[in-house]
Amino acid sequence: MIYSNNKVKRLLKSELVKRGIKTVDLVELLNQQGLNETKSSITSKISRGTFSAAFFLQCLSVIGCSKLEIETYISTFAIAAEPIVEYKTNSDEKE
C-alpha cells in the first residue's frame, strides 16, 4: 500500500481526536520533551501533511499512542491498459 501525505496526516489527526488533544495541547507536550514548536508551526505541518517520520513518531509518543492501527483497503481505482497485440507489418505479409 502506498501512503500519501494526506493519509499520514489523517492518521495523526485521528489519533489526536481519539484522545481529545488539541493543537495547543500537542505543542505543550512536544515542548515539554525539549522540542521547540509553536502552534502555527504544528498547524502548518499537519494541515499540509508535510512532516518527517521523526515528527510523526514524536507526536504519537507524547500523546501516549503506543499502537497504531492502519486501515487497509482495496482501491477501486482500475488502470486500463492496452492489450498486448502483435500487429502485422508489411514485412510480415511478404514472408
PDB file of N, CA and C in Angstrom:
ATOM      1  N   MET A   1       0.845  -1.174   0.000  1.00  0.00           N
ATOM      2  CA  MET A   1       0.000   0.000   0.000  1.00  0.00           C
ATOM      3  C   MET A   1       0.893   1.240   0.000  1.00  0.00           C
ATOM      4  N   ILE A   2       0.532   2.196  -0.762  1.00  0.00           N
ATOM      5  CA  ILE A   2       1.282   3.443  -0.842  1.00  0.00           C
ATOM      6  C   ILE A   2       0.622   4.468   0.072  1.00  0.00           C
ATOM      7  N   TYR A   3       1.440   5.123   0.874  1.00  0.00           N
ATOM      8  CA  TYR A   3       0.924   6.130   1.796  1.00  0.00           C
ATOM      9  C   TYR A   3       1.275   7.514   1.295  1.00  0.00           C
ATOM     10  N   SER A   4       0.256   8.319   1.149  1.00  0.00           N
ATOM     11  CA  SER A   4       0.458   9.698   0.737  1.00  0.00           C
ATOM     12  C   SER A   4       0.539  10.579   1.975  1.00  0.00           C
ATOM     13  N   ASN A   5       0.956  11.826   1.773  1.00  0.00           N
ATOM     14  CA  ASN A   5       0.987  12.782   2.881  1.00  0.00           C
ATOM     15  C   ASN A   5      -0.398  12.923   3.500  1.00  0.00           C
ATOM     16  N   ASN A   6      -1.411  12.883   2.662  1.00  0.00           N
ATOM     17  CA  ASN A   6      -2.783  13.040   3.134  1.00  0.00           C
ATOM     18  C   ASN A   6      -3.179  11.897   4.069  1.00  0.00           C
ATOM     19  N   LYS A   7      -2.792  10.691   3.730  1.00  0.00           N
ATOM     20  CA  LYS A   7      -3.114   9.521   4.552  1.00  0.00           C
ATOM     21  C   LYS A   7      -2.433   9.622   5.920  1.00  0.00           C
ATOM     22  N   VAL A   8      -1.166   9.976   5.935  1.00  0.00           N
ATOM     23  CA  VAL A   8      -0.420  10.080   7.192  1.00  0.00           C
ATOM     24  C   VAL A   8      -0.975  11.228   8.040  1.00  0.00           C
ATOM     25  N   LYS A   9      -1.329  12.313   7.396  1.00  0.00           N
ATOM     26  CA  LYS A   9      -1.935  13.451   8.097  1.00  0.00           C
ATOM     27  C   LYS A   9      -3.224  13.011   8.776  1.00  0.00           C
ATOM     28  N   ARG A  10      -4.050  12.254   8.075  1.00  0.00           N
ATOM     29  CA  ARG A  10      -5.307  11.780   8.655  1.00  0.00           C
ATOM     30  C   ARG A  10      -5.069  10.822   9.817  1.00  0.00           C
ATOM     31  N   LEU A  11      -4.023   9.995   9.712  1.00  0.00           N
ATOM     32  CA  LEU A  11      -3.691   9.092  10.818  1.00  0.00           C
ATOM     33  C   LEU A  11      -3.356   9.879  12.078  1.00  0.00           C
ATOM     34  N   LEU A  12      -2.515  10.901  11.936  1.00  0.00           N
ATOM     35  CA  LEU A  12      -2.134  11.711  13.090  1.00  0.00           C
ATOM     36  C   LEU A  12      -3.344  12.452  13.653  1.00  0.00           C
ATOM     37  N   LYS A  13      -4.117  13.065  12.781  1.00  0.00           N
ATOM     38  CA  LYS A  13      -5.282  13.823  13.244  1.00  0.00           C
ATOM     39  C   LYS A  13      -6.286  12.921  13.955  1.00  0.00           C
ATOM     40  N   SER A  14      -6.478  11.721  13.449  1.00  0.00           N
ATOM     41  CA  SER A  14      -7.441  10.821  14.084  1.00  0.00           C
ATOM     42  C   SER A  14      -6.967  10.403  15.474  1.00  0.00           C
ATOM     43  N   GLU A  15      -5.662  10.202  15.640  1.00  0.00           N
ATOM     44  CA  GLU A  15      -5.140   9.842  16.964  1.00  0.00           C
ATOM     45  C   GLU A  15      -5.284  11.005  17.939  1.00  0.00           C
ATOM     46  N   LEU A  16      -5.123  12.220  17.457  1.00  0.00           N
ATOM     47  CA  LEU A  16      -5.318  13.394  18.312  1.00  0.00           C
ATOM     48  C   LEU A  16      -6.777  13.507  18.739  1.00  0.00           C
ATOM     49  N   VAL A  17      -7.691  13.310  17.794  1.00  0.00           N
ATOM     50  CA  VAL A  17      -9.122  13.407  18.088  1.00  0.00           C
ATOM     51  C   VAL A  17      -9.541  12.320  19.073  1.00  0.00           C
ATOM     52  N   LYS A  18      -9.056  11.090  18.875  1.00  0.00           N
ATOM     53  CA  LYS A  18      -9.402   9.984  19.775  1.00  0.00           C
ATOM     54  C   LYS A  18      -9.077  10.314  21.224  1.00  0.00           C
ATOM     55  N   ARG A  19      -7.999  11.063  21.406  1.00  0.00           N
ATOM     56  CA  ARG A  19      -7.535  11.382  22.757  1.00  0.00           C
ATOM     57  C   ARG A  19      -7.992  12.762  23.233  1.00  0.00           C
ATOM     58  N   GLY A  20      -8.728  13.471  22.400  1.00  0.00           N
ATOM     59  CA  GLY A  20      -9.214  14.799  22.763  1.00  0.00           C
ATOM     60  C   GLY A  20      -8.094  15.813  22.897  1.00  0.00           C
ATOM     61  N   ILE A  21      -7.048  15.639  22.125  1.00  0.00           N
ATOM     62  CA  ILE A  21      -5.880  16.531  22.198  1.00  0.00           C
ATOM     63  C   ILE A  21      -5.961  17.565  21.088  1.00  0.00           C
ATOM     64  N   LYS A  22      -5.931  18.813  21.475  1.00  0.00           N
ATOM     65  CA  LYS A  22      -5.960  19.931  20.524  1.00  0.00           C
ATOM     66  C   LYS A  22      -4.522  20.311  20.168  1.00  0.00           C
ATOM     67  N   THR A  23      -4.393  21.101  19.121  1.00  0.00           N
ATOM     68  CA  THR A  23      -3.064  21.521  18.662  1.00  0.00           C
ATOM     69  C   THR A  23      -2.265  22.199  19.766  1.00  0.00           C
ATOM     70  N   VAL A  24      -2.910  23.058  20.526  1.00  0.00           N
ATOM     71  CA  VAL A  24      -2.212  23.765  21.602  1.00  0.00           C
ATOM     72  C   VAL A  24      -1.691  22.775  22.650  1.00  0.00           C
ATOM     73  N   ASP A  25      -2.461  21.708  22.894  1.00  0.00           N
ATOM     74  CA  ASP A  25      -2.020  20.665  23.833  1.00  0.00           C
ATOM     75  C   ASP A  25      -0.811  19.916  23.276  1.00  0.00           C
ATOM     76  N   LEU A  26      -0.856  19.618  21.989  1.00  0.00           N
ATOM     77  CA  LEU A  26       0.253  18.915  21.343  1.00  0.00           C
ATOM     78  C   LEU A  26       1.524  19.750  21.414  1.00  0.00           C
ATOM     79  N   VAL A  27       1.403  21.056  21.181  1.00  0.00           N
ATOM     80  CA  VAL A  27       2.554  21.959  21.263  1.00  0.00           C
ATOM     81  C   VAL A  27       3.173  21.881  22.655  1.00  0.00           C
ATOM     82  N   GLU A  28       2.335  21.952  23.669  1.00  0.00           N
ATOM     83  CA  GLU A  28       2.828  21.914  25.048  1.00  0.00           C
ATOM     84  C   GLU A  28       3.528  20.586  25.349  1.00  0.00           C
ATOM     85  N   LEU A  29       2.925  19.485  24.907  1.00  0.00           N
ATOM     86  CA  LEU A  29       3.518  18.168  25.139  1.00  0.00           C
ATOM     87  C   LEU A  29       4.867  18.021  24.438  1.00  0.00           C
ATOM     88  N   LEU A  30       4.950  18.496  23.201  1.00  0.00           N
ATOM     89  CA  LEU A  30       6.215  18.421  22.457  1.00  0.00           C
ATOM     90  C   LEU A  30       7.275  19.306  23.098  1.00  0.00           C
ATOM     91  N   ASN A  31       6.884  20.500  23.527  1.00  0.00           N
ATOM     92  CA  ASN A  31       7.837  21.425  24.155  1.00  0.00           C
ATOM     93  C   ASN A  31       8.346  20.883  25.491  1.00  0.00           C
ATOM     94  N   GLN A  32       7.507  20.133  26.203  1.00  0.00           N
ATOM     95  CA  GLN A  32       7.942  19.504  27.450  1.00  0.00           C
ATOM     96  C   GLN A  32       9.039  18.472  27.204  1.00  0.00           C
ATOM     97  N   GLN A  33       9.085  17.943  25.998  1.00  0.00           N
ATOM     98  CA  GLN A  33      10.109  16.965  25.630  1.00  0.00           C
ATOM     99  C   GLN A  33      11.347  17.620  25.010  1.00  0.00           C
ATOM    100  N   GLY A  34      11.375  18.953  25.023  1.00  0.00           N
ATOM    101  CA  GLY A  34      12.546  19.669  24.533  1.00  0.00           C
ATOM    102  C   GLY A  34      12.483  20.098  23.084  1.00  0.00           C
ATOM    103  N   LEU A  35      11.350  19.898  22.445  1.00  0.00           N
ATOM    104  CA  LEU A  35      11.206  20.346  21.060  1.00  0.00           C
ATOM    105  C   LEU A  35      10.682  21.771  21.061  1.00  0.00           C
ATOM    106  N   ASN A  36      11.198  22.579  20.196  1.00  0.00           N
ATOM    107  CA  ASN A  36      10.760  23.978  20.120  1.00  0.00           C
ATOM    108  C   ASN A  36       9.777  24.139  18.977  1.00  0.00           C
ATOM    109  N   GLU A  37       8.517  23.923  19.295  1.00  0.00           N
ATOM    110  CA  GLU A  37       7.459  24.045  18.290  1.00  0.00           C
ATOM    111  C   GLU A  37       6.495  25.136  18.721  1.00  0.00           C
ATOM    112  N   THR A  38       5.846  25.735  17.747  1.00  0.00           N
ATOM    113  CA  THR A  38       4.813  26.732  18.020  1.00  0.00           C
ATOM    114  C   THR A  38       3.497  26.197  17.481  1.00  0.00           C
ATOM    115  N   LYS A  39       2.416  26.797  17.916  1.00  0.00           N
ATOM    116  CA  LYS A  39       1.103  26.382  17.440  1.00  0.00           C
ATOM    117  C   LYS A  39       1.003  26.527  15.921  1.00  0.00           C
ATOM    118  N   SER A  40       1.533  27.640  15.410  1.00  0.00           N
ATOM    119  CA  SER A  40       1.443  27.851  13.957  1.00  0.00           C
ATOM    120  C   SER A  40       2.314  26.857  13.183  1.00  0.00           C
ATOM    121  N   SER A  41       3.473  26.486  13.720  1.00  0.00           N
ATOM    122  CA  SER A  41       4.324  25.525  13.004  1.00  0.00           C
ATOM    123  C   SER A  41       3.676  24.140  12.976  1.00  0.00           C
ATOM    124  N   ILE A  42       3.063  23.757  14.087  1.00  0.00           N
ATOM    125  CA  ILE A  42       2.380  22.458  14.147  1.00  0.00           C
ATOM    126  C   ILE A  42       1.158  22.452  13.241  1.00  0.00           C
ATOM    127  N   THR A  43       0.369  23.493  13.314  1.00  0.00           N
ATOM    128  CA  THR A  43      -0.832  23.601  12.478  1.00  0.00           C
ATOM    129  C   THR A  43      -0.454  23.518  11.002  1.00  0.00           C
ATOM    130  N   SER A  44       0.596  24.214  10.634  1.00  0.00           N
ATOM    131  CA  SER A  44       1.051  24.227   9.247  1.00  0.00           C
ATOM    132  C   SER A  44       1.518  22.842   8.801  1.00  0.00           C
ATOM    133  N   LYS A  45       2.334  22.186   9.616  1.00  0.00           N
ATOM    134  CA  LYS A  45       2.845  20.852   9.270  1.00  0.00           C
ATOM    135  C   LYS A  45       1.701  19.865   9.083  1.00  0.00           C
ATOM    136  N   ILE A  46       0.775  19.883  10.030  1.00  0.00           N
ATOM    137  CA  ILE A  46      -0.314  18.909   9.975  1.00  0.00           C
ATOM    138  C   ILE A  46      -1.269  19.211   8.817  1.00  0.00           C
ATOM    139  N   SER A  47      -1.581  20.470   8.600  1.00  0.00           N
ATOM    140  CA  SER A  47      -2.526  20.794   7.518  1.00  0.00           C
ATOM    141  C   SER A  47      -1.951  20.458   6.147  1.00  0.00           C
ATOM    142  N   ARG A  48      -0.643  20.643   5.978  1.00  0.00           N
ATOM    143  CA  ARG A  48      -0.004  20.289   4.706  1.00  0.00           C
ATOM    144  C   ARG A  48       0.267  18.793   4.617  1.00  0.00           C
ATOM    145  N   GLY A  49       0.434  18.168   5.783  1.00  0.00           N
ATOM    146  CA  GLY A  49       0.797  16.750   5.787  1.00  0.00           C
ATOM    147  C   GLY A  49       2.249  16.537   5.440  1.00  0.00           C
ATOM    148  N   THR A  50       3.030  17.595   5.523  1.00  0.00           N
ATOM    149  CA  THR A  50       4.453  17.500   5.169  1.00  0.00           C
ATOM    150  C   THR A  50       5.292  17.565   6.436  1.00  0.00           C
ATOM    151  N   PHE A  51       5.437  16.424   7.056  1.00  0.00           N
ATOM    152  CA  PHE A  51       6.286  16.349   8.236  1.00  0.00           C
ATOM    153  C   PHE A  51       7.075  15.049   8.163  1.00  0.00           C
ATOM    154  N   SER A  52       8.156  15.034   8.902  1.00  0.00           N
ATOM    155  CA  SER A  52       9.039  13.868   8.858  1.00  0.00           C
ATOM    156  C   SER A  52       8.455  12.709   9.649  1.00  0.00           C
ATOM    157  N   ALA A  53       8.995  11.545   9.393  1.00  0.00           N
ATOM    158  CA  ALA A  53       8.600  10.365  10.162  1.00  0.00           C
ATOM    159  C   ALA A  53       8.964  10.571  11.629  1.00  0.00           C
ATOM    160  N   ALA A  54      10.082  11.230  11.886  1.00  0.00           N
ATOM    161  CA  ALA A  54      10.501  11.501  13.263  1.00  0.00           C
ATOM    162  C   ALA A  54       9.465  12.368  13.980  1.00  0.00           C
ATOM    163  N   PHE A  55       8.981  13.409  13.313  1.00  0.00           N
ATOM    164  CA  PHE A  55       7.961  14.277  13.902  1.00  0.00           C
ATOM    165  C   PHE A  55       6.687  13.482  14.172  1.00  0.00           C
ATOM    166  N   PHE A  56       6.295  12.652  13.228  1.00  0.00           N
ATOM    167  CA  PHE A  56       5.104  11.821  13.368  1.00  0.00           C
ATOM    168  C   PHE A  56       5.221  10.929  14.604  1.00  0.00           C
ATOM    169  N   LEU A  57       6.366  10.267  14.749  1.00  0.00           N
ATOM    170  CA  LEU A  57       6.577   9.381  15.894  1.00  0.00           C
ATOM    171  C   LEU A  57       6.678  10.151  17.204  1.00  0.00           C
ATOM    172  N   GLN A  58       7.274  11.335  17.170  1.00  0.00           N
ATOM    173  CA  GLN A  58       7.343  12.170  18.380  1.00  0.00           C
ATOM    174  C   GLN A  58       5.937  12.540  18.839  1.00  0.00           C
ATOM    175  N   CYS A  59       5.101  12.919  17.893  1.00  0.00           N
ATOM    176  CA  CYS A  59       3.713  13.282  18.222  1.00  0.00           C
ATOM    177  C   CYS A  59       2.979  12.093  18.825  1.00  0.00           C
ATOM    178  N   LEU A  60       3.088  10.941  18.183  1.00  0.00           N
ATOM    179  CA  LEU A  60       2.411   9.752  18.694  1.00  0.00           C
ATOM    180  C   LEU A  60       2.910   9.405  20.093  1.00  0.00           C
ATOM    181  N   SER A  61       4.193   9.548  20.312  1.00  0.00           N
ATOM    182  CA  SER A  61       4.782   9.226  21.611  1.00  0.00           C
ATOM    183  C   SER A  61       4.259  10.142  22.715  1.00  0.00           C
ATOM    184  N   VAL A  62       4.257  11.446  22.469  1.00  0.00           N
ATOM    185  CA  VAL A  62       3.853  12.384  23.528  1.00  0.00           C
ATOM    186  C   VAL A  62       2.358  12.325  23.837  1.00  0.00           C
ATOM    187  N   ILE A  63       1.559  11.852  22.892  1.00  0.00           N
ATOM    188  CA  ILE A  63       0.119  11.749  23.166  1.00  0.00           C
ATOM    189  C   ILE A  63      -0.235  10.384  23.750  1.00  0.00           C
ATOM    190  N   GLY A  64       0.773   9.525  23.907  1.00  0.00           N
ATOM    191  CA  GLY A  64       0.549   8.229  24.533  1.00  0.00           C
ATOM    192  C   GLY A  64       0.053   7.152  23.598  1.00  0.00           C
ATOM    193  N   CYS A  65       0.308   7.313  22.326  1.00  0.00           N
ATOM    194  CA  CYS A  65      -0.110   6.317  21.338  1.00  0.00           C
ATOM    195  C   CYS A  65       1.031   5.318  21.154  1.00  0.00           C
ATOM    196  N   SER A  66       0.846   4.130  21.692  1.00  0.00           N
ATOM    197  CA  SER A  66       1.896   3.120  21.570  1.00  0.00           C
ATOM    198  C   SER A  66       1.576   2.090  20.500  1.00  0.00           C
ATOM    199  N   LYS A  67       0.355   2.130  20.012  1.00  0.00           N
ATOM    200  CA  LYS A  67      -0.078   1.188  18.981  1.00  0.00           C
ATOM    201  C   LYS A  67      -0.907   1.951  17.967  1.00  0.00           C
ATOM    202  N   LEU A  68      -0.629   1.731  16.700  1.00  0.00           N
ATOM    203  CA  LEU A  68      -1.331   2.449  15.643  1.00  0.00           C
ATOM    204  C   LEU A  68      -1.975   1.445  14.707  1.00  0.00           C
ATOM    205  N   GLU A  69      -3.269   1.579  14.535  1.00  0.00           N
ATOM    206  CA  GLU A  69      -3.994   0.705  13.623  1.00  0.00           C
ATOM    207  C   GLU A  69      -4.095   1.406  12.276  1.00  0.00           C
ATOM    208  N   ILE A  70      -3.533   0.791  11.291  1.00  0.00           N
ATOM    209  CA  ILE A  70      -3.546   1.372   9.951  1.00  0.00           C
ATOM    210  C   ILE A  70      -4.566   0.608   9.127  1.00  0.00           C
ATOM    211  N   GLU A  71      -5.570   1.340   8.675  1.00  0.00           N
ATOM    212  CA  GLU A  71      -6.615   0.693   7.894  1.00  0.00           C
ATOM    213  C   GLU A  71      -6.070   0.272   6.540  1.00  0.00           C
ATOM    214  N   THR A  72      -6.536  -0.841   6.087  1.00  0.00           N
ATOM    215  CA  THR A  72      -6.170  -1.284   4.746  1.00  0.00           C
ATOM    216  C   THR A  72      -7.432  -1.305   3.911  1.00  0.00           C
ATOM    217  N   TYR A  73      -7.282  -1.021   2.690  1.00  0.00           N
ATOM    218  CA  TYR A  73      -8.427  -1.026   1.805  1.00  0.00           C
ATOM    219  C   TYR A  73      -7.959  -1.391   0.406  1.00  0.00           C
ATOM    220  N   ILE A  74      -8.895  -1.874  -0.345  1.00  0.00           N
ATOM    221  CA  ILE A  74      -8.616  -2.216  -1.737  1.00  0.00           C
ATOM    222  C   ILE A  74      -9.103  -1.051  -2.582  1.00  0.00           C
ATOM    223  N   SER A  75      -8.217  -0.541  -3.358  1.00  0.00           N
ATOM    224  CA  SER A  75      -8.563   0.593  -4.192  1.00  0.00           C
ATOM    225  C   SER A  75      -9.519   0.156  -5.294  1.00  0.00           C
ATOM    226  N   THR A  76     -10.490   0.985  -5.560  1.00  0.00           N
ATOM    227  CA  THR A  76     -11.400   0.708  -6.665  1.00  0.00           C
ATOM    228  C   THR A  76     -10.902   1.363  -7.947  1.00  0.00           C
ATOM    229  N   PHE A  77      -9.739   1.974  -7.849  1.00  0.00           N
ATOM    230  CA  PHE A  77      -9.148   2.629  -8.999  1.00  0.00           C
ATOM    231  C   PHE A  77      -8.541   1.558  -9.893  1.00  0.00           C
ATOM    232  N   ALA A  78      -9.017   1.459 -11.094  1.00  0.00           N
ATOM    233  CA  ALA A  78      -8.508   0.469 -12.033  1.00  0.00           C
ATOM    234  C   ALA A  78      -7.745   1.177 -13.142  1.00  0.00           C
ATOM    235  N   ILE A  79      -6.669   0.588 -13.500  1.00  0.00           N
ATOM    236  CA  ILE A  79      -5.862   1.164 -14.581  1.00  0.00           C
ATOM    237  C   ILE A  79      -6.155   0.372 -15.848  1.00  0.00           C
ATOM    238  N   ALA A  80      -6.558   1.087 -16.860  1.00  0.00           N
ATOM    239  CA  ALA A  80      -6.835   0.442 -18.137  1.00  0.00           C
ATOM    240  C   ALA A  80      -5.558   0.434 -18.960  1.00  0.00           C
ATOM    241  N   ALA A  81      -5.250  -0.699 -19.484  1.00  0.00           N
ATOM    242  CA  ALA A  81      -4.054  -0.821 -20.313  1.00  0.00           C
ATOM    243  C   ALA A  81      -4.448  -1.434 -21.647  1.00  0.00           C
ATOM    244  N   GLU A  82      -3.730  -1.051 -22.640  1.00  0.00           N
ATOM    245  CA  GLU A  82      -3.971  -1.612 -23.957  1.00  0.00           C
ATOM    246  C   GLU A  82      -3.494  -3.052 -23.958  1.00  0.00           C
ATOM    247  N   PRO A  83      -4.289  -3.962 -24.491  1.00  0.00           N
ATOM    248  CA  PRO A  83      -3.855  -5.363 -24.525  1.00  0.00           C
ATOM    249  C   PRO A  83      -2.629  -5.519 -25.417  1.00  0.00           C
ATOM    250  N   ILE A  84      -1.852  -6.517 -25.105  1.00  0.00           N
ATOM    251  CA  ILE A  84      -0.662  -6.785 -25.921  1.00  0.00           C
ATOM    252  C   ILE A  84      -1.126  -7.486 -27.194  1.00  0.00           C
ATOM    253  N   VAL A  85      -0.934  -6.805 -28.286  1.00  0.00           N
ATOM    254  CA  VAL A  85      -1.371  -7.325 -29.577  1.00  0.00           C
ATOM    255  C   VAL A  85      -0.198  -7.254 -30.535  1.00  0.00           C
ATOM    256  N   GLU A  86      -0.012  -8.333 -31.265  1.00  0.00           N
ATOM    257  CA  GLU A  86       1.033  -8.316 -32.284  1.00  0.00           C
ATOM    258  C   GLU A  86       0.412  -7.781 -33.572  1.00  0.00           C
ATOM    259  N   TYR A  87       0.966  -6.674 -34.022  1.00  0.00           N
ATOM    260  CA  TYR A  87       0.457  -6.048 -35.232  1.00  0.00           C
ATOM    261  C   TYR A  87       1.201  -6.584 -36.442  1.00  0.00           C
ATOM    262  N   LYS A  88       0.470  -6.795 -37.514  1.00  0.00           N
ATOM    263  CA  LYS A  88       1.105  -7.228 -38.753  1.00  0.00           C
ATOM    264  C   LYS A  88       1.724  -6.034 -39.429  1.00  0.00           C
ATOM    265  N   THR A  89       2.879  -6.250 -39.960  1.00  0.00           N
ATOM    266  CA  THR A  89       3.567  -5.207 -40.718  1.00  0.00           C
ATOM    267  C   THR A  89       3.675  -5.656 -42.161  1.00  0.00           C
ATOM    268  N   ASN A  90       4.087  -4.741 -43.021  1.00  0.00           N
ATOM    269  CA  ASN A  90       4.261  -5.065 -44.421  1.00  0.00           C
ATOM    270  C   ASN A  90       5.267  -6.191 -44.600  1.00  0.00           C
ATOM    271  N   SER A  91       6.311  -6.239 -43.801  1.00  0.00           N
ATOM    272  CA  SER A  91       7.334  -7.268 -43.950  1.00  0.00           C
ATOM    273  C   SER A  91       6.767  -8.641 -43.574  1.00  0.00           C
ATOM    274  N   ASP A  92       5.785  -8.695 -42.666  1.00  0.00           N
ATOM    275  CA  ASP A  92       5.152  -9.955 -42.307  1.00  0.00           C
ATOM    276  C   ASP A  92       4.362 -10.533 -43.474  1.00  0.00           C
ATOM    277  N   GLU A  93       3.749  -9.685 -44.265  1.00  0.00           N
ATOM    278  CA  GLU A  93       2.913 -10.140 -45.372  1.00  0.00           C
ATOM    279  C   GLU A  93       3.756 -10.685 -46.515  1.00  0.00           C
ATOM    280  N   LYS A  94       5.000 -10.231 -46.654  1.00  0.00           N
ATOM    281  CA  LYS A  94       5.861 -10.675 -47.739  1.00  0.00           C
ATOM    282  C   LYS A  94       6.407 -12.064 -47.488  1.00  0.00           C
ATOM    283  N   GLU A  95       6.427 -12.514 -46.285  1.00  0.00           N
ATOM    284  CA  GLU A  95       7.017 -13.827 -45.954  1.00  0.00           C
ATOM    285  C   GLU A  95       6.132 -14.952 -46.281  1.00  0.00           C
TER     286      GLU A  95
END
